[in-house]
Amino acid sequence: MRNKLSWRIKEKNMTDKELDELGDKIVRVLKTIYDPEIPVDIYELGLIYDVFVSEENDAKILMTLTSPNCPVAESLPVEIEEKIKTLPEINNCEVEITFDPTWTQEMMSEEAKLELGML
């Protein structure tokens, strides 16, 4: 079962409601980005492990890939950074790839599993 994404936002000037709205905006952007080999967005695939937003409104996204040999290992992080930076609240974005823990199908959401006929 996929863990719920944990938000770590350090913005002192935002209310809880504004923080939730920013988190929702980031997720909406992430849900527009797809793994080219799987017809499911990267968020529902469980590739996004964590999102941090600093007091300076810089985002850092910790994510994984379906495999270390993923053909989009170089282009996918750039696409994510570019799309997240289109949000007016975000000044900059950095994506860090990790393989700890290794991605497994259990990290996919129920929605992703349903889309792929796994349920």
Protein backbone atom coordinates (compact mmCIF):
# COMPACT_ATOMS: atom_id res chain seq x y z
CA MET A 1 0.00 0.00 0.00
CA ARG A 2 1.29 3.42 -0.92
CA ASN A 3 2.20 5.82 1.87
CA LYS A 4 0.48 9.17 1.91
CA LEU A 5 2.72 11.98 0.70
CA SER A 6 4.05 14.00 3.61
CA TRP A 7 4.36 17.73 3.19
CA ARG A 8 7.16 19.67 4.76
CA ILE A 9 6.47 23.29 4.13
CA LYS A 10 8.39 25.93 6.04
CA GLU A 11 6.54 29.10 5.22
CA LYS A 12 5.93 31.26 8.26
CA ASN A 13 3.74 33.80 6.48
CA MET A 14 1.15 31.30 5.25
CA THR A 15 -1.98 30.11 7.03
CA ASP A 16 -2.78 26.41 7.28
CA LYS A 17 -5.39 26.89 4.56
CA GLU A 18 -2.84 28.54 2.25
CA LEU A 19 -0.36 25.71 2.94
CA ASP A 20 -3.01 23.14 2.04
CA GLU A 21 -3.86 25.06 -1.13
CA LEU A 22 -0.19 25.18 -2.16
CA GLY A 23 0.14 21.45 -1.51
CA ASP A 24 -2.95 20.82 -3.65
CA LYS A 25 -1.52 22.96 -6.45
CA ILE A 26 1.76 21.03 -6.40
CA VAL A 27 -0.10 17.71 -6.52
CA ARG A 28 -2.26 18.95 -9.43
CA VAL A 29 0.92 19.78 -11.35
CA LEU A 30 2.52 16.43 -10.51
CA LYS A 31 -0.62 14.66 -11.72
CA THR A 32 -0.10 16.17 -15.21
CA ILE A 33 3.24 14.38 -15.61
CA TYR A 34 3.22 10.80 -16.86
CA ASP A 35 5.71 7.98 -17.05
CA PRO A 36 5.92 7.48 -20.84
CA GLU A 37 5.83 3.70 -20.50
CA ILE A 38 2.90 3.51 -18.07
CA PRO A 39 -0.41 5.38 -18.65
CA VAL A 40 -0.53 6.68 -15.07
CA ASP A 41 0.76 9.96 -13.64
CA ILE A 42 3.88 9.99 -11.49
CA TYR A 43 1.98 10.97 -8.35
CA GLU A 44 -0.46 8.04 -8.52
CA LEU A 45 2.40 5.70 -9.46
CA GLY A 46 3.93 6.50 -6.07
CA LEU A 47 7.13 7.95 -7.52
CA ILE A 48 6.91 11.10 -5.37
CA TYR A 49 8.26 10.42 -1.88
CA ASP A 50 8.32 13.89 -0.36
CA VAL A 51 7.88 17.58 -1.13
CA PHE A 52 9.64 20.34 0.78
CA VAL A 53 8.98 24.07 0.38
CA SER A 54 11.41 26.42 2.10
CA GLU A 55 10.73 29.80 3.67
CA GLU A 56 12.07 31.29 0.42
CA ASN A 57 9.37 29.36 -1.50
CA ASP A 58 11.89 27.03 -3.12
CA ALA A 59 10.53 23.52 -3.66
CA LYS A 60 12.51 20.31 -3.37
CA ILE A 61 10.93 17.08 -4.53
CA LEU A 62 12.29 13.72 -3.44
CA MET A 63 11.27 11.02 -5.86
CA THR A 64 12.21 7.70 -7.37
CA LEU A 65 11.92 6.03 -10.74
CA THR A 66 10.36 2.69 -11.61
CA SER A 67 13.88 1.39 -12.27
CA PRO A 68 17.45 2.76 -12.26
CA ASN A 69 17.54 2.19 -16.03
CA CYS A 70 14.41 4.25 -16.65
CA PRO A 71 14.69 5.88 -20.10
CA VAL A 72 13.45 9.23 -18.75
CA ALA A 73 15.89 9.36 -15.81
CA GLU A 74 17.40 12.58 -17.15
CA SER A 75 14.38 14.27 -18.73
CA LEU A 76 11.68 13.56 -16.11
CA PRO A 77 13.28 15.56 -13.26
CA VAL A 78 13.75 18.53 -15.61
CA GLU A 79 10.10 18.36 -16.69
CA ILE A 80 8.99 18.28 -13.05
CA GLU A 81 11.19 21.24 -12.11
CA GLU A 82 9.96 23.31 -15.04
CA LYS A 83 6.28 22.60 -14.37
CA ILE A 84 6.48 23.21 -10.60
CA LYS A 85 8.27 26.54 -11.23
CA THR A 86 5.21 27.72 -13.20
CA LEU A 87 3.32 28.01 -9.91
CA PRO A 88 3.40 31.68 -8.87
CA GLU A 89 4.12 30.75 -5.24
CA ILE A 90 7.26 28.79 -6.15
CA ASN A 91 10.54 30.56 -6.90
CA ASN A 92 12.68 27.56 -7.73
CA CYS A 93 12.41 23.77 -7.79
CA GLU A 94 14.94 20.98 -7.42
CA VAL A 95 14.23 17.30 -7.93
CA GLU A 96 16.34 14.69 -6.14
CA ILE A 97 16.22 11.08 -7.29
CA THR A 98 16.59 8.30 -4.73
CA PHE A 99 16.28 4.55 -4.91
CA ASP A 100 15.89 4.13 -1.17
CA PRO A 101 13.37 2.71 -0.76
CA THR A 102 13.18 0.96 -4.10
CA TRP A 103 9.92 1.54 -5.96
CA THR A 104 7.50 -1.38 -5.98
CA GLN A 105 3.96 -1.80 -7.30
CA GLU A 106 2.68 -1.60 -3.73
CA MET A 107 3.53 2.12 -3.79
CA MET A 108 0.91 2.80 -6.44
CA SER A 109 -2.40 4.30 -5.41
CA GLU A 110 -5.63 2.32 -5.73
CA GLU A 111 -6.50 4.63 -8.65
CA ALA A 112 -3.29 3.65 -10.47
CA LYS A 113 -3.82 -0.04 -9.83
CA LEU A 114 -7.39 0.23 -11.12
CA GLU A 115 -6.21 2.08 -14.25
CA LEU A 116 -3.67 -0.67 -14.94
CA GLY A 117 -6.18 -3.47 -14.33
CA MET A 118 -4.44 -4.69 -11.19
CA LEU A 119 -7.59 -4.62 -9.01
